[in-house]
Amino acid sequence: MSNNILNQIKSDLDSFVGKEVHLKANQGRRKIMEKEGVLEETYSNVFVVKVDDNQTPRRISYSYADVLTETVEIKIKENNMKIGCISI
């Protein structure tokens, strides 16, 4: 069942490749990183976000399981839609 959910998260992200996103990642020990960037690519197990940190572009990758477990929160900026959120 969880494999279905991971596939759904991947397909949701596939449709937003090239769009601006807002990332919020829990890095442990009360450290939370918030960045804005562009969803650059989706692969079979991870997705890549390109962020501009102090004029230096970086690429950050996360797994779809990170989104499922809410370690990483990703929102599409144009419509403020949260990926991986199950709405009832």
PDB file of N, CA and C in Angstrom:
ATOM      1  N   MET A   1       0.821  -1.195   0.000  1.00  0.00           N
ATOM      2  CA  MET A   1       0.000   0.000   0.000  1.00  0.00           C
ATOM      3  C   MET A   1       0.865   1.260   0.000  1.00  0.00           C
ATOM      4  N   SER A   2       1.950   1.281   0.803  1.00  0.00           N
ATOM      5  CA  SER A   2       2.785   2.477   0.863  1.00  0.00           C
ATOM      6  C   SER A   2       3.482   2.737  -0.471  1.00  0.00           C
ATOM      7  N   ASN A   3       3.746   1.660  -1.241  1.00  0.00           N
ATOM      8  CA  ASN A   3       4.356   1.833  -2.557  1.00  0.00           C
ATOM      9  C   ASN A   3       3.426   2.620  -3.476  1.00  0.00           C
ATOM     10  N   ASN A   4       2.108   2.383  -3.359  1.00  0.00           N
ATOM     11  CA  ASN A   4       1.123   3.141  -4.130  1.00  0.00           C
ATOM     12  C   ASN A   4       1.174   4.624  -3.775  1.00  0.00           C
ATOM     13  N   ILE A   5       1.290   4.902  -2.483  1.00  0.00           N
ATOM     14  CA  ILE A   5       1.335   6.291  -2.030  1.00  0.00           C
ATOM     15  C   ILE A   5       2.605   6.973  -2.526  1.00  0.00           C
ATOM     16  N   LEU A   6       3.731   6.271  -2.469  1.00  0.00           N
ATOM     17  CA  LEU A   6       4.990   6.835  -2.966  1.00  0.00           C
ATOM     18  C   LEU A   6       4.907   7.116  -4.464  1.00  0.00           C
ATOM     19  N   ASN A   7       4.273   6.210  -5.207  1.00  0.00           N
ATOM     20  CA  ASN A   7       4.080   6.429  -6.649  1.00  0.00           C
ATOM     21  C   ASN A   7       3.181   7.630  -6.908  1.00  0.00           C
ATOM     22  N   GLN A   8       2.177   7.816  -6.061  1.00  0.00           N
ATOM     23  CA  GLN A   8       1.281   8.972  -6.207  1.00  0.00           C
ATOM     24  C   GLN A   8       2.025  10.274  -5.944  1.00  0.00           C
ATOM     25  N   ILE A   9       2.875  10.287  -4.917  1.00  0.00           N
ATOM     26  CA  ILE A   9       3.674  11.482  -4.621  1.00  0.00           C
ATOM     27  C   ILE A   9       4.590  11.790  -5.791  1.00  0.00           C
ATOM     28  N   LYS A  10       5.229  10.755  -6.364  1.00  0.00           N
ATOM     29  CA  LYS A  10       6.113  10.953  -7.519  1.00  0.00           C
ATOM     30  C   LYS A  10       5.344  11.520  -8.702  1.00  0.00           C
ATOM     31  N   SER A  11       4.167  10.957  -8.986  1.00  0.00           N
ATOM     32  CA  SER A  11       3.402  11.455 -10.142  1.00  0.00           C
ATOM     33  C   SER A  11       2.908  12.879  -9.908  1.00  0.00           C
ATOM     34  N   ASP A  12       2.561  13.201  -8.647  1.00  0.00           N
ATOM     35  CA  ASP A  12       2.184  14.584  -8.338  1.00  0.00           C
ATOM     36  C   ASP A  12       3.350  15.531  -8.605  1.00  0.00           C
ATOM     37  N   LEU A  13       4.542  15.148  -8.162  1.00  0.00           N
ATOM     38  CA  LEU A  13       5.717  16.000  -8.380  1.00  0.00           C
ATOM     39  C   LEU A  13       6.109  16.061  -9.855  1.00  0.00           C
ATOM     40  N   ASP A  14       5.914  14.966 -10.591  1.00  0.00           N
ATOM     41  CA  ASP A  14       6.228  14.949 -12.028  1.00  0.00           C
ATOM     42  C   ASP A  14       5.518  16.073 -12.767  1.00  0.00           C
ATOM     43  N   SER A  15       4.286  16.351 -12.369  1.00  0.00           N
ATOM     44  CA  SER A  15       3.501  17.354 -13.080  1.00  0.00           C
ATOM     45  C   SER A  15       3.954  18.783 -12.757  1.00  0.00           C
ATOM     46  N   PHE A  16       4.822  18.953 -11.756  1.00  0.00           N
ATOM     47  CA  PHE A  16       5.278  20.292 -11.386  1.00  0.00           C
ATOM     48  C   PHE A  16       6.767  20.513 -11.627  1.00  0.00           C
ATOM     49  N   VAL A  17       7.408  19.666 -12.414  1.00  0.00           N
ATOM     50  CA  VAL A  17       8.826  19.860 -12.740  1.00  0.00           C
ATOM     51  C   VAL A  17       8.983  21.189 -13.463  1.00  0.00           C
ATOM     52  N   GLY A  18       9.947  21.996 -13.022  1.00  0.00           N
ATOM     53  CA  GLY A  18      10.184  23.311 -13.609  1.00  0.00           C
ATOM     54  C   GLY A  18       9.474  24.434 -12.875  1.00  0.00           C
ATOM     55  N   LYS A  19       8.641  24.109 -11.915  1.00  0.00           N
ATOM     56  CA  LYS A  19       7.887  25.116 -11.153  1.00  0.00           C
ATOM     57  C   LYS A  19       8.636  25.494  -9.883  1.00  0.00           C
ATOM     58  N   GLU A  20       8.339  26.698  -9.379  1.00  0.00           N
ATOM     59  CA  GLU A  20       8.936  27.157  -8.127  1.00  0.00           C
ATOM     60  C   GLU A  20       8.233  26.486  -6.955  1.00  0.00           C
ATOM     61  N   VAL A  21       9.056  26.075  -5.968  1.00  0.00           N
ATOM     62  CA  VAL A  21       8.531  25.389  -4.796  1.00  0.00           C
ATOM     63  C   VAL A  21       9.105  26.002  -3.526  1.00  0.00           C
ATOM     64  N   HIS A  22       8.424  25.739  -2.425  1.00  0.00           N
ATOM     65  CA  HIS A  22       8.893  26.135  -1.093  1.00  0.00           C
ATOM     66  C   HIS A  22       9.140  24.850  -0.310  1.00  0.00           C
ATOM     67  N   LEU A  23      10.373  24.678   0.174  1.00  0.00           N
ATOM     68  CA  LEU A  23      10.759  23.490   0.937  1.00  0.00           C
ATOM     69  C   LEU A  23      10.862  23.817   2.408  1.00  0.00           C
ATOM     70  N   LYS A  24      10.415  22.899   3.222  1.00  0.00           N
ATOM     71  CA  LYS A  24      10.605  22.997   4.661  1.00  0.00           C
ATOM     72  C   LYS A  24      11.057  21.615   5.108  1.00  0.00           C
ATOM     73  N   ALA A  25      12.315  21.504   5.552  1.00  0.00           N
ATOM     74  CA  ALA A  25      12.884  20.200   5.888  1.00  0.00           C
ATOM     75  C   ALA A  25      13.330  20.156   7.341  1.00  0.00           C
ATOM     76  N   ASN A  26      12.926  19.107   8.029  1.00  0.00           N
ATOM     77  CA  ASN A  26      13.344  18.878   9.401  1.00  0.00           C
ATOM     78  C   ASN A  26      14.704  18.187   9.357  1.00  0.00           C
ATOM     79  N   GLN A  27      15.722  18.837   9.926  1.00  0.00           N
ATOM     80  CA  GLN A  27      17.067  18.287   9.885  1.00  0.00           C
ATOM     81  C   GLN A  27      17.500  17.726  11.241  1.00  0.00           C
ATOM     82  N   GLY A  28      16.565  17.539  12.145  1.00  0.00           N
ATOM     83  CA  GLY A  28      16.878  16.970  13.450  1.00  0.00           C
ATOM     84  C   GLY A  28      17.357  18.010  14.439  1.00  0.00           C
ATOM     85  N   ARG A  29      17.298  17.659  15.706  1.00  0.00           N
ATOM     86  CA  ARG A  29      17.743  18.545  16.784  1.00  0.00           C
ATOM     87  C   ARG A  29      17.186  19.959  16.667  1.00  0.00           C
ATOM     88  N   ARG A  30      15.904  20.017  16.402  1.00  0.00           N
ATOM     89  CA  ARG A  30      15.172  21.286  16.304  1.00  0.00           C
ATOM     90  C   ARG A  30      15.682  22.215  15.200  1.00  0.00           C
ATOM     91  N   LYS A  31      16.345  21.658  14.209  1.00  0.00           N
ATOM     92  CA  LYS A  31      16.818  22.452  13.069  1.00  0.00           C
ATOM     93  C   LYS A  31      15.845  22.253  11.910  1.00  0.00           C
ATOM     94  N   ILE A  32      15.302  23.350  11.445  1.00  0.00           N
ATOM     95  CA  ILE A  32      14.386  23.300  10.305  1.00  0.00           C
ATOM     96  C   ILE A  32      14.922  24.233   9.230  1.00  0.00           C
ATOM     97  N   MET A  33      15.096  23.689   8.031  1.00  0.00           N
ATOM     98  CA  MET A  33      15.597  24.464   6.909  1.00  0.00           C
ATOM     99  C   MET A  33      14.409  24.843   6.026  1.00  0.00           C
ATOM    100  N   GLU A  34      14.328  26.115   5.673  1.00  0.00           N
ATOM    101  CA  GLU A  34      13.303  26.567   4.729  1.00  0.00           C
ATOM    102  C   GLU A  34      14.003  27.213   3.546  1.00  0.00           C
ATOM    103  N   LYS A  35      13.690  26.744   2.358  1.00  0.00           N
ATOM    104  CA  LYS A  35      14.306  27.250   1.124  1.00  0.00           C
ATOM    105  C   LYS A  35      13.243  27.365   0.043  1.00  0.00           C
ATOM    106  N   GLU A  36      13.539  28.216  -0.912  1.00  0.00           N
ATOM    107  CA  GLU A  36      12.712  28.295  -2.121  1.00  0.00           C
ATOM    108  C   GLU A  36      13.597  27.991  -3.310  1.00  0.00           C
ATOM    109  N   GLY A  37      13.036  27.274  -4.260  1.00  0.00           N
ATOM    110  CA  GLY A  37      13.805  26.898  -5.434  1.00  0.00           C
ATOM    111  C   GLY A  37      12.899  26.384  -6.529  1.00  0.00           C
ATOM    112  N   VAL A  38      13.505  25.674  -7.468  1.00  0.00           N
ATOM    113  CA  VAL A  38      12.787  25.138  -8.619  1.00  0.00           C
ATOM    114  C   VAL A  38      12.891  23.616  -8.583  1.00  0.00           C
ATOM    115  N   LEU A  39      11.749  22.945  -8.715  1.00  0.00           N
ATOM    116  CA  LEU A  39      11.754  21.493  -8.813  1.00  0.00           C
ATOM    117  C   LEU A  39      12.408  21.139 -10.140  1.00  0.00           C
ATOM    118  N   GLU A  40      13.610  20.600 -10.077  1.00  0.00           N
ATOM    119  CA  GLU A  40      14.406  20.406 -11.279  1.00  0.00           C
ATOM    120  C   GLU A  40      14.159  19.072 -11.976  1.00  0.00           C
ATOM    121  N   GLU A  41      14.074  17.997 -11.203  1.00  0.00           N
ATOM    122  CA  GLU A  41      13.964  16.667 -11.817  1.00  0.00           C
ATOM    123  C   GLU A  41      13.368  15.688 -10.817  1.00  0.00           C
ATOM    124  N   THR A  42      12.666  14.687 -11.345  1.00  0.00           N
ATOM    125  CA  THR A  42      12.199  13.588 -10.507  1.00  0.00           C
ATOM    126  C   THR A  42      12.800  12.299 -11.053  1.00  0.00           C
ATOM    127  N   TYR A  43      13.272  11.465 -10.163  1.00  0.00           N
ATOM    128  CA  TYR A  43      13.841  10.168 -10.518  1.00  0.00           C
ATOM    129  C   TYR A  43      13.000   9.083  -9.863  1.00  0.00           C
ATOM    130  N   SER A  44      13.396   7.845 -10.017  1.00  0.00           N
ATOM    131  CA  SER A  44      12.572   6.755  -9.493  1.00  0.00           C
ATOM    132  C   SER A  44      12.449   6.773  -7.977  1.00  0.00           C
ATOM    133  N   ASN A  45      13.481   7.213  -7.256  1.00  0.00           N
ATOM    134  CA  ASN A  45      13.425   7.201  -5.796  1.00  0.00           C
ATOM    135  C   ASN A  45      13.594   8.565  -5.140  1.00  0.00           C
ATOM    136  N   VAL A  46      14.057   9.559  -5.883  1.00  0.00           N
ATOM    137  CA  VAL A  46      14.327  10.884  -5.310  1.00  0.00           C
ATOM    138  C   VAL A  46      13.865  11.982  -6.262  1.00  0.00           C
ATOM    139  N   PHE A  47      13.727  13.190  -5.703  1.00  0.00           N
ATOM    140  CA  PHE A  47      13.495  14.371  -6.535  1.00  0.00           C
ATOM    141  C   PHE A  47      14.549  15.411  -6.176  1.00  0.00           C
ATOM    142  N   VAL A  48      14.844  16.309  -7.125  1.00  0.00           N
ATOM    143  CA  VAL A  48      15.913  17.288  -6.966  1.00  0.00           C
ATOM    144  C   VAL A  48      15.325  18.689  -7.071  1.00  0.00           C
ATOM    145  N   VAL A  49      15.708  19.545  -6.111  1.00  0.00           N
ATOM    146  CA  VAL A  49      15.300  20.941  -6.105  1.00  0.00           C
ATOM    147  C   VAL A  49      16.548  21.800  -6.215  1.00  0.00           C
ATOM    148  N   LYS A  50      16.524  22.743  -7.149  1.00  0.00           N
ATOM    149  CA  LYS A  50      17.649  23.670  -7.322  1.00  0.00           C
ATOM    150  C   LYS A  50      17.343  24.940  -6.543  1.00  0.00           C
ATOM    151  N   VAL A  51      18.214  25.287  -5.598  1.00  0.00           N
ATOM    152  CA  VAL A  51      18.041  26.487  -4.782  1.00  0.00           C
ATOM    153  C   VAL A  51      19.226  27.413  -5.003  1.00  0.00           C
ATOM    154  N   ASP A  52      18.973  28.721  -4.911  1.00  0.00           N
ATOM    155  CA  ASP A  52      20.030  29.713  -5.020  1.00  0.00           C
ATOM    156  C   ASP A  52      20.369  30.203  -3.629  1.00  0.00           C
ATOM    157  N   ASP A  53      21.471  29.725  -3.089  1.00  0.00           N
ATOM    158  CA  ASP A  53      21.938  30.129  -1.770  1.00  0.00           C
ATOM    159  C   ASP A  53      23.047  31.158  -1.939  1.00  0.00           C
ATOM    160  N   ASN A  54      22.758  32.400  -1.574  1.00  0.00           N
ATOM    161  CA  ASN A  54      23.771  33.462  -1.643  1.00  0.00           C
ATOM    162  C   ASN A  54      24.453  33.507  -3.011  1.00  0.00           C
ATOM    163  N   GLN A  55      23.660  33.540  -4.056  1.00  0.00           N
ATOM    164  CA  GLN A  55      24.137  33.648  -5.437  1.00  0.00           C
ATOM    165  C   GLN A  55      24.813  32.369  -5.939  1.00  0.00           C
ATOM    166  N   THR A  56      24.847  31.310  -5.137  1.00  0.00           N
ATOM    167  CA  THR A  56      25.454  30.053  -5.549  1.00  0.00           C
ATOM    168  C   THR A  56      24.363  28.995  -5.681  1.00  0.00           C
ATOM    169  N   PRO A  57      24.105  28.533  -6.904  1.00  0.00           N
ATOM    170  CA  PRO A  57      23.060  27.512  -7.059  1.00  0.00           C
ATOM    171  C   PRO A  57      23.502  26.169  -6.474  1.00  0.00           C
ATOM    172  N   ARG A  58      22.595  25.543  -5.732  1.00  0.00           N
ATOM    173  CA  ARG A  58      22.827  24.216  -5.167  1.00  0.00           C
ATOM    174  C   ARG A  58      21.675  23.321  -5.542  1.00  0.00           C
ATOM    175  N   ARG A  59      21.931  22.043  -5.532  1.00  0.00           N
ATOM    176  CA  ARG A  59      20.870  21.069  -5.765  1.00  0.00           C
ATOM    177  C   ARG A  59      20.712  20.218  -4.519  1.00  0.00           C
ATOM    178  N   ILE A  60      19.478  20.092  -4.068  1.00  0.00           N
ATOM    179  CA  ILE A  60      19.171  19.309  -2.886  1.00  0.00           C
ATOM    180  C   ILE A  60      18.232  18.192  -3.316  1.00  0.00           C
ATOM    181  N   SER A  61      18.520  16.974  -2.874  1.00  0.00           N
ATOM    182  CA  SER A  61      17.642  15.859  -3.234  1.00  0.00           C
ATOM    183  C   SER A  61      17.022  15.247  -1.986  1.00  0.00           C
ATOM    184  N   TYR A  62      15.797  14.810  -2.145  1.00  0.00           N
ATOM    185  CA  TYR A  62      15.055  14.150  -1.076  1.00  0.00           C
ATOM    186  C   TYR A  62      14.320  12.960  -1.669  1.00  0.00           C
ATOM    187  N   SER A  63      14.007  12.000  -0.825  1.00  0.00           N
ATOM    188  CA  SER A  63      13.241  10.842  -1.288  1.00  0.00           C
ATOM    189  C   SER A  63      11.746  11.126  -1.123  1.00  0.00           C
ATOM    190  N   TYR A  64      10.948  10.357  -1.830  1.00  0.00           N
ATOM    191  CA  TYR A  64       9.498  10.494  -1.722  1.00  0.00           C
ATOM    192  C   TYR A  64       9.032  10.049  -0.336  1.00  0.00           C
ATOM    193  N   ALA A  65       9.781   9.139   0.289  1.00  0.00           N
ATOM    194  CA  ALA A  65       9.457   8.704   1.652  1.00  0.00           C
ATOM    195  C   ALA A  65       9.614   9.858   2.637  1.00  0.00           C
ATOM    196  N   ASP A  66      10.552  10.783   2.369  1.00  0.00           N
ATOM    197  CA  ASP A  66      10.697  11.972   3.222  1.00  0.00           C
ATOM    198  C   ASP A  66       9.425  12.811   3.200  1.00  0.00           C
ATOM    199  N   VAL A  67       8.797  12.891   2.051  1.00  0.00           N
ATOM    200  CA  VAL A  67       7.543  13.633   1.924  1.00  0.00           C
ATOM    201  C   VAL A  67       6.425  12.879   2.639  1.00  0.00           C
ATOM    202  N   LEU A  68       6.394  11.568   2.470  1.00  0.00           N
ATOM    203  CA  LEU A  68       5.362  10.743   3.088  1.00  0.00           C
ATOM    204  C   LEU A  68       5.421  10.826   4.614  1.00  0.00           C
ATOM    205  N   THR A  69       6.623  10.795   5.172  1.00  0.00           N
ATOM    206  CA  THR A  69       6.785  10.842   6.630  1.00  0.00           C
ATOM    207  C   THR A  69       6.794  12.265   7.172  1.00  0.00           C
ATOM    208  N   GLU A  70       6.610  13.233   6.294  1.00  0.00           N
ATOM    209  CA  GLU A  70       6.554  14.655   6.630  1.00  0.00           C
ATOM    210  C   GLU A  70       7.861  15.188   7.214  1.00  0.00           C
ATOM    211  N   THR A  71       8.974  14.527   6.885  1.00  0.00           N
ATOM    212  CA  THR A  71      10.295  15.072   7.203  1.00  0.00           C
ATOM    213  C   THR A  71      10.552  16.272   6.304  1.00  0.00           C
ATOM    214  N   VAL A  72      10.018  16.200   5.088  1.00  0.00           N
ATOM    215  CA  VAL A  72      10.115  17.295   4.122  1.00  0.00           C
ATOM    216  C   VAL A  72       8.706  17.699   3.716  1.00  0.00           C
ATOM    217  N   GLU A  73       8.461  19.004   3.744  1.00  0.00           N
ATOM    218  CA  GLU A  73       7.185  19.550   3.280  1.00  0.00           C
ATOM    219  C   GLU A  73       7.489  20.347   2.023  1.00  0.00           C
ATOM    220  N   ILE A  74       6.779  20.072   0.954  1.00  0.00           N
ATOM    221  CA  ILE A  74       7.010  20.781  -0.304  1.00  0.00           C
ATOM    222  C   ILE A  74       5.687  21.384  -0.777  1.00  0.00           C
ATOM    223  N   LYS A  75       5.726  22.693  -1.058  1.00  0.00           N
ATOM    224  CA  LYS A  75       4.546  23.406  -1.540  1.00  0.00           C
ATOM    225  C   LYS A  75       4.868  24.032  -2.883  1.00  0.00           C
ATOM    226  N   ILE A  76       3.909  23.968  -3.788  1.00  0.00           N
ATOM    227  CA  ILE A  76       4.035  24.620  -5.091  1.00  0.00           C
ATOM    228  C   ILE A  76       3.672  26.083  -4.891  1.00  0.00           C
ATOM    229  N   LYS A  77       4.562  26.986  -5.294  1.00  0.00           N
ATOM    230  CA  LYS A  77       4.363  28.405  -4.995  1.00  0.00           C
ATOM    231  C   LYS A  77       3.188  29.029  -5.729  1.00  0.00           C
ATOM    232  N   GLU A  78       2.938  28.621  -6.987  1.00  0.00           N
ATOM    233  CA  GLU A  78       1.921  29.311  -7.776  1.00  0.00           C
ATOM    234  C   GLU A  78       0.506  29.102  -7.231  1.00  0.00           C
ATOM    235  N   ASN A  79       0.247  27.944  -6.607  1.00  0.00           N
ATOM    236  CA  ASN A  79      -1.098  27.711  -6.090  1.00  0.00           C
ATOM    237  C   ASN A  79      -1.098  27.315  -4.611  1.00  0.00           C
ATOM    238  N   ASN A  80       0.073  27.371  -3.968  1.00  0.00           N
ATOM    239  CA  ASN A  80       0.233  27.082  -2.539  1.00  0.00           C
ATOM    240  C   ASN A  80      -0.278  25.680  -2.189  1.00  0.00           C
ATOM    241  N   MET A  81      -0.136  24.731  -3.130  1.00  0.00           N
ATOM    242  CA  MET A  81      -0.589  23.368  -2.909  1.00  0.00           C
ATOM    243  C   MET A  81       0.508  22.551  -2.253  1.00  0.00           C
ATOM    244  N   LYS A  82       0.172  21.841  -1.195  1.00  0.00           N
ATOM    245  CA  LYS A  82       1.127  20.999  -0.476  1.00  0.00           C
ATOM    246  C   LYS A  82       1.109  19.606  -1.095  1.00  0.00           C
ATOM    247  N   ILE A  83       2.278  19.110  -1.477  1.00  0.00           N
ATOM    248  CA  ILE A  83       2.397  17.775  -2.056  1.00  0.00           C
ATOM    249  C   ILE A  83       2.476  16.742  -0.937  1.00  0.00           C
ATOM    250  N   GLY A  84       1.795  15.621  -1.109  1.00  0.00           N
ATOM    251  CA  GLY A  84       1.830  14.555  -0.137  1.00  0.00           C
ATOM    252  C   GLY A  84       0.776  14.684   0.929  1.00  0.00           C
ATOM    253  N   CYS A  85       0.010  15.741   0.883  1.00  0.00           N
ATOM    254  CA  CYS A  85      -1.046  15.955   1.872  1.00  0.00           C
ATOM    255  C   CYS A  85      -2.300  15.220   1.414  1.00  0.00           C
ATOM    256  N   ILE A  86      -2.825  14.390   2.289  1.00  0.00           N
ATOM    257  CA  ILE A  86      -4.051  13.664   1.971  1.00  0.00           C
ATOM    258  C   ILE A  86      -5.219  14.485   2.474  1.00  0.00           C
ATOM    259  N   SER A  87      -6.016  14.983   1.545  1.00  0.00           N
ATOM    260  CA  SER A  87      -7.167  15.805   1.953  1.00  0.00           C
ATOM    261  C   SER A  87      -8.425  14.958   1.915  1.00  0.00           C
ATOM    262  N   ILE A  88      -9.278  15.214   2.878  1.00  0.00           N
ATOM    263  CA  ILE A  88     -10.520  14.438   2.993  1.00  0.00           C
ATOM    264  C   ILE A  88     -11.687  15.290   2.526  1.00  0.00           C
TER     265      ILE A  88
END
